[in-house]
Amino acid sequence: MIHPFQILKTEGELNDVVRTAFIDAYGKRGMEAFDAVKEKRVKKYRDYYVVVGNTGEYYVEGSFCSCEARLYGKECWHTLAVKIADETGMYESYNLWYYKNGVDEDEPEYE
């Protein structure tokens, strides 16, 4: 089986072939991650990536995600979405620090 990231490189875009490759390799997690990137639900801040999930926003740094799946030792689709977004450059970029409850506009770096 060819790794889905290799297929992504070969195809050069998010299309049905790539989506199928991620679903074959990762199941539902691959589908959710692919769809999140395609729907532009991955954001890159100065300090974290943020993925808009089904029930909220989750920050991702490396292999760490703030979602509840990590509490049960499961891999979540948010980290996979970040890997896909990083590979394709398909994310919204913000030159801001991420704050869970919004931007602290009183901080000097936002002036």
N, C-alpha and C. Protein backbone atom coordinates (compact mmCIF):
# COMPACT_ATOMS: atom_id res chain seq x y z
N MET A 1 0.84 -1.19 0.00
CA MET A 1 0.00 0.00 0.00
C MET A 1 0.89 1.25 0.00
N ILE A 2 0.57 2.19 -0.85
CA ILE A 2 1.30 3.45 -0.92
C ILE A 2 0.78 4.37 0.18
N HIS A 3 1.70 5.01 0.89
CA HIS A 3 1.33 5.91 1.99
C HIS A 3 0.50 7.07 1.45
N PRO A 4 -0.56 7.48 2.15
CA PRO A 4 -1.43 8.54 1.64
C PRO A 4 -0.71 9.88 1.42
N PHE A 5 0.33 10.16 2.20
CA PHE A 5 1.06 11.41 1.99
C PHE A 5 1.85 11.37 0.68
N GLN A 6 2.29 10.17 0.28
CA GLN A 6 2.96 10.03 -1.02
C GLN A 6 1.95 10.25 -2.14
N ILE A 7 0.75 9.72 -1.97
CA ILE A 7 -0.30 9.93 -2.97
C ILE A 7 -0.65 11.42 -3.05
N LEU A 8 -0.71 12.07 -1.90
CA LEU A 8 -0.97 13.52 -1.87
C LEU A 8 0.10 14.27 -2.65
N LYS A 9 1.37 13.90 -2.45
CA LYS A 9 2.46 14.54 -3.19
C LYS A 9 2.33 14.32 -4.69
N THR A 10 2.01 13.10 -5.06
CA THR A 10 1.88 12.75 -6.48
C THR A 10 0.71 13.51 -7.12
N GLU A 11 -0.41 13.54 -6.44
CA GLU A 11 -1.61 14.20 -6.98
C GLU A 11 -1.46 15.73 -6.96
N GLY A 12 -0.82 16.23 -5.93
CA GLY A 12 -0.59 17.67 -5.84
C GLY A 12 -1.79 18.49 -5.43
N GLU A 13 -2.86 17.85 -5.04
CA GLU A 13 -4.06 18.55 -4.60
C GLU A 13 -4.94 17.60 -3.79
N LEU A 14 -5.89 18.18 -3.07
CA LEU A 14 -6.85 17.37 -2.33
C LEU A 14 -7.99 17.01 -3.28
N ASN A 15 -8.01 15.76 -3.69
CA ASN A 15 -9.05 15.30 -4.60
C ASN A 15 -9.59 13.96 -4.10
N ASP A 16 -10.47 13.34 -4.86
CA ASP A 16 -11.09 12.08 -4.43
C ASP A 16 -10.09 10.94 -4.28
N VAL A 17 -9.05 10.92 -5.09
CA VAL A 17 -8.03 9.88 -4.99
C VAL A 17 -7.31 10.00 -3.64
N VAL A 18 -6.95 11.22 -3.28
CA VAL A 18 -6.26 11.47 -2.01
C VAL A 18 -7.19 11.17 -0.84
N ARG A 19 -8.44 11.61 -0.94
CA ARG A 19 -9.40 11.35 0.13
C ARG A 19 -9.54 9.85 0.38
N THR A 20 -9.68 9.08 -0.69
CA THR A 20 -9.79 7.63 -0.57
C THR A 20 -8.55 7.03 0.07
N ALA A 21 -7.37 7.53 -0.28
CA ALA A 21 -6.12 7.03 0.29
C ALA A 21 -6.07 7.27 1.80
N PHE A 22 -6.51 8.44 2.24
CA PHE A 22 -6.51 8.73 3.67
C PHE A 22 -7.56 7.90 4.41
N ILE A 23 -8.70 7.68 3.79
CA ILE A 23 -9.72 6.84 4.41
C ILE A 23 -9.24 5.39 4.50
N ASP A 24 -8.61 4.90 3.43
CA ASP A 24 -8.09 3.52 3.45
C ASP A 24 -7.03 3.33 4.54
N ALA A 25 -6.19 4.36 4.72
CA ALA A 25 -5.10 4.25 5.69
C ALA A 25 -5.53 4.51 7.13
N TYR A 26 -6.46 5.47 7.33
CA TYR A 26 -6.80 5.92 8.68
C TYR A 26 -8.27 5.76 9.05
N GLY A 27 -9.08 5.28 8.15
CA GLY A 27 -10.50 5.10 8.43
C GLY A 27 -11.22 6.42 8.61
N LYS A 28 -12.15 6.43 9.58
CA LYS A 28 -12.95 7.63 9.83
C LYS A 28 -12.06 8.83 10.18
N ARG A 29 -10.97 8.57 10.89
CA ARG A 29 -10.04 9.63 11.26
C ARG A 29 -9.47 10.31 10.00
N GLY A 30 -9.14 9.52 8.99
CA GLY A 30 -8.64 10.06 7.72
C GLY A 30 -9.68 10.90 7.01
N MET A 31 -10.93 10.42 7.05
CA MET A 31 -12.01 11.17 6.41
C MET A 31 -12.23 12.51 7.10
N GLU A 32 -12.30 12.50 8.44
CA GLU A 32 -12.51 13.73 9.20
C GLU A 32 -11.37 14.73 8.95
N ALA A 33 -10.13 14.24 8.97
CA ALA A 33 -8.97 15.11 8.78
C ALA A 33 -8.97 15.72 7.38
N PHE A 34 -9.19 14.90 6.38
CA PHE A 34 -9.23 15.38 5.00
C PHE A 34 -10.31 16.43 4.83
N ASP A 35 -11.50 16.13 5.34
CA ASP A 35 -12.62 17.06 5.19
C ASP A 35 -12.36 18.38 5.91
N ALA A 36 -11.72 18.34 7.08
CA ALA A 36 -11.42 19.57 7.82
C ALA A 36 -10.49 20.47 7.02
N VAL A 37 -9.49 19.88 6.39
CA VAL A 37 -8.56 20.68 5.58
C VAL A 37 -9.28 21.23 4.36
N LYS A 38 -10.02 20.38 3.69
CA LYS A 38 -10.76 20.79 2.48
C LYS A 38 -11.76 21.92 2.81
N GLU A 39 -12.36 21.86 3.99
CA GLU A 39 -13.35 22.86 4.41
C GLU A 39 -12.71 24.06 5.09
N LYS A 40 -11.39 24.14 5.06
CA LYS A 40 -10.63 25.27 5.61
C LYS A 40 -10.89 25.49 7.09
N ARG A 41 -10.83 24.39 7.86
CA ARG A 41 -11.05 24.46 9.30
C ARG A 41 -9.75 24.31 10.10
N VAL A 42 -8.62 24.51 9.42
CA VAL A 42 -7.32 24.47 10.10
C VAL A 42 -6.73 25.88 10.06
N LYS A 43 -6.31 26.35 11.23
CA LYS A 43 -5.77 27.70 11.36
C LYS A 43 -4.37 27.61 11.96
N LYS A 44 -3.48 28.44 11.46
CA LYS A 44 -2.12 28.45 12.01
C LYS A 44 -1.88 29.79 12.69
N TYR A 45 -1.61 29.71 13.99
CA TYR A 45 -1.26 30.89 14.78
C TYR A 45 0.24 30.87 15.02
N ARG A 46 0.76 31.87 15.71
CA ARG A 46 2.18 31.92 16.02
C ARG A 46 2.63 30.73 16.86
N ASP A 47 1.78 30.30 17.77
CA ASP A 47 2.19 29.27 18.72
C ASP A 47 1.56 27.90 18.48
N TYR A 48 0.42 27.82 17.87
CA TYR A 48 -0.28 26.56 17.67
C TYR A 48 -0.99 26.54 16.34
N TYR A 49 -1.32 25.33 15.94
CA TYR A 49 -2.36 25.16 14.92
C TYR A 49 -3.65 24.99 15.70
N VAL A 50 -4.74 25.43 15.13
CA VAL A 50 -6.06 25.24 15.73
C VAL A 50 -6.95 24.59 14.68
N VAL A 51 -7.63 23.53 15.10
CA VAL A 51 -8.55 22.82 14.21
C VAL A 51 -9.96 23.01 14.75
N VAL A 52 -10.84 23.47 13.90
CA VAL A 52 -12.24 23.60 14.27
C VAL A 52 -12.87 22.23 14.11
N GLY A 53 -13.23 21.65 15.23
CA GLY A 53 -13.79 20.30 15.23
C GLY A 53 -15.30 20.31 15.25
N ASN A 54 -15.86 19.18 15.58
CA ASN A 54 -17.31 19.02 15.60
C ASN A 54 -17.96 19.72 16.79
N THR A 55 -17.21 19.85 17.89
CA THR A 55 -17.81 20.43 19.10
C THR A 55 -17.01 21.60 19.67
N GLY A 56 -15.97 22.02 18.98
CA GLY A 56 -15.18 23.15 19.47
C GLY A 56 -13.89 23.29 18.70
N GLU A 57 -13.03 24.17 19.19
CA GLU A 57 -11.71 24.38 18.60
C GLU A 57 -10.68 23.64 19.46
N TYR A 58 -9.74 22.99 18.80
CA TYR A 58 -8.71 22.23 19.49
C TYR A 58 -7.35 22.70 19.02
N TYR A 59 -6.44 22.95 19.95
CA TYR A 59 -5.12 23.37 19.53
C TYR A 59 -4.20 22.17 19.44
N VAL A 60 -3.32 22.24 18.47
CA VAL A 60 -2.42 21.13 18.17
C VAL A 60 -0.99 21.67 18.13
N GLU A 61 -0.13 20.98 18.84
CA GLU A 61 1.30 21.30 18.80
C GLU A 61 2.04 19.97 18.68
N GLY A 62 2.65 19.75 17.53
CA GLY A 62 3.30 18.47 17.29
C GLY A 62 2.29 17.35 17.31
N SER A 63 2.51 16.35 18.13
CA SER A 63 1.56 15.23 18.23
C SER A 63 0.56 15.41 19.37
N PHE A 64 0.60 16.58 20.03
CA PHE A 64 -0.33 16.85 21.13
C PHE A 64 -1.56 17.58 20.60
N CYS A 65 -2.71 17.16 21.07
CA CYS A 65 -3.97 17.83 20.76
C CYS A 65 -4.74 18.03 22.05
N SER A 66 -5.47 19.12 22.14
CA SER A 66 -6.22 19.43 23.36
C SER A 66 -7.57 18.71 23.45
N CYS A 67 -7.89 17.87 22.49
CA CYS A 67 -9.18 17.17 22.53
C CYS A 67 -9.17 16.05 23.56
N GLU A 68 -10.33 15.49 23.82
CA GLU A 68 -10.47 14.45 24.85
C GLU A 68 -9.92 13.09 24.44
N ALA A 69 -9.69 12.87 23.17
CA ALA A 69 -9.17 11.57 22.72
C ALA A 69 -7.84 11.25 23.39
N ARG A 70 -7.04 12.28 23.64
CA ARG A 70 -5.73 12.07 24.27
C ARG A 70 -5.86 11.51 25.67
N LEU A 71 -6.97 11.81 26.35
CA LEU A 71 -7.19 11.29 27.69
C LEU A 71 -7.33 9.77 27.69
N TYR A 72 -7.74 9.22 26.56
CA TYR A 72 -7.97 7.79 26.45
C TYR A 72 -6.86 7.10 25.65
N GLY A 73 -5.79 7.85 25.35
CA GLY A 73 -4.66 7.29 24.62
C GLY A 73 -4.95 7.01 23.16
N LYS A 74 -5.95 7.67 22.62
CA LYS A 74 -6.31 7.46 21.22
C LYS A 74 -5.73 8.58 20.36
N GLU A 75 -5.45 8.25 19.12
CA GLU A 75 -5.01 9.28 18.18
C GLU A 75 -6.24 9.96 17.62
N CYS A 76 -6.20 11.28 17.58
CA CYS A 76 -7.35 12.02 17.07
C CYS A 76 -7.11 12.43 15.62
N TRP A 77 -8.16 12.89 14.99
CA TRP A 77 -8.04 13.31 13.60
C TRP A 77 -7.51 14.73 13.48
N HIS A 78 -7.53 15.49 14.57
CA HIS A 78 -7.07 16.88 14.52
C HIS A 78 -5.58 16.96 14.17
N THR A 79 -4.76 16.09 14.78
CA THR A 79 -3.33 16.11 14.49
C THR A 79 -3.06 15.69 13.05
N LEU A 80 -3.83 14.75 12.55
CA LEU A 80 -3.69 14.33 11.16
C LEU A 80 -4.09 15.46 10.22
N ALA A 81 -5.13 16.20 10.56
CA ALA A 81 -5.55 17.34 9.75
C ALA A 81 -4.43 18.38 9.66
N VAL A 82 -3.75 18.61 10.78
CA VAL A 82 -2.65 19.57 10.78
C VAL A 82 -1.52 19.09 9.87
N LYS A 83 -1.22 17.81 9.89
CA LYS A 83 -0.17 17.27 9.02
C LYS A 83 -0.53 17.45 7.55
N ILE A 84 -1.78 17.21 7.22
CA ILE A 84 -2.23 17.39 5.83
C ILE A 84 -2.17 18.87 5.46
N ALA A 85 -2.67 19.72 6.34
CA ALA A 85 -2.68 21.16 6.08
C ALA A 85 -1.26 21.70 5.93
N ASP A 86 -0.37 21.23 6.77
CA ASP A 86 1.02 21.67 6.71
C ASP A 86 1.67 21.24 5.39
N GLU A 87 1.38 20.04 4.98
CA GLU A 87 1.93 19.50 3.73
C GLU A 87 1.42 20.27 2.51
N THR A 88 0.16 20.67 2.55
CA THR A 88 -0.44 21.33 1.39
C THR A 88 -0.41 22.85 1.47
N GLY A 89 -0.15 23.38 2.67
CA GLY A 89 -0.23 24.83 2.86
C GLY A 89 -1.67 25.33 2.91
N MET A 90 -2.60 24.41 3.10
CA MET A 90 -4.02 24.77 3.12
C MET A 90 -4.49 25.02 4.55
N TYR A 91 -4.19 26.20 5.05
CA TYR A 91 -4.64 26.62 6.37
C TYR A 91 -4.73 28.14 6.36
N GLU A 92 -5.55 28.65 7.26
CA GLU A 92 -5.62 30.10 7.45
C GLU A 92 -4.48 30.47 8.38
N SER A 93 -3.76 31.50 8.04
CA SER A 93 -2.61 31.90 8.84
C SER A 93 -2.90 33.21 9.56
N TYR A 94 -2.58 33.23 10.86
CA TYR A 94 -2.79 34.41 11.68
C TYR A 94 -1.47 34.77 12.37
N ASN A 95 -1.04 36.00 12.24
CA ASN A 95 0.17 36.46 12.91
C ASN A 95 -0.20 36.92 14.31
N LEU A 96 -0.81 36.00 15.06
CA LEU A 96 -1.29 36.27 16.41
C LEU A 96 -0.97 35.08 17.29
N TRP A 97 -0.94 35.32 18.59
CA TRP A 97 -0.86 34.23 19.55
C TRP A 97 -2.28 33.71 19.76
N TYR A 98 -2.43 32.41 19.93
CA TYR A 98 -3.75 31.83 20.12
C TYR A 98 -4.19 31.95 21.57
N TYR A 99 -5.40 32.45 21.77
CA TYR A 99 -6.03 32.49 23.09
C TYR A 99 -7.35 31.77 22.97
N LYS A 100 -7.58 30.78 23.81
CA LYS A 100 -8.80 29.97 23.73
C LYS A 100 -10.06 30.82 23.76
N ASN A 101 -10.07 31.87 24.59
CA ASN A 101 -11.27 32.70 24.72
C ASN A 101 -11.17 34.00 23.93
N GLY A 102 -10.36 34.00 22.90
CA GLY A 102 -10.25 35.18 22.05
C GLY A 102 -8.90 35.87 22.23
N VAL A 103 -8.68 36.85 21.42
CA VAL A 103 -7.43 37.58 21.41
C VAL A 103 -7.42 38.60 22.54
N ASP A 104 -6.32 38.66 23.26
CA ASP A 104 -6.15 39.67 24.30
C ASP A 104 -5.60 40.92 23.63
N GLU A 105 -6.47 41.81 23.23
CA GLU A 105 -6.07 42.98 22.45
C GLU A 105 -5.29 43.99 23.26
N ASP A 106 -5.23 43.84 24.58
CA ASP A 106 -4.45 44.75 25.41
C ASP A 106 -2.96 44.39 25.40
N GLU A 107 -2.63 43.21 24.89
CA GLU A 107 -1.22 42.81 24.83
C GLU A 107 -0.50 43.68 23.79
N PRO A 108 0.71 44.14 24.09
CA PRO A 108 1.44 45.03 23.19
C PRO A 108 1.69 44.47 21.79
N GLU A 109 1.84 43.15 21.64
CA GLU A 109 2.14 42.61 20.32
C GLU A 109 0.97 42.72 19.34
N TYR A 110 -0.21 43.09 19.84
CA TYR A 110 -1.37 43.23 18.96
C TYR A 110 -1.62 44.66 18.52
N GLU A 111 -0.80 45.59 18.99
CA GLU A 111 -1.00 46.99 18.64
C GLU A 111 -0.45 47.29 17.27
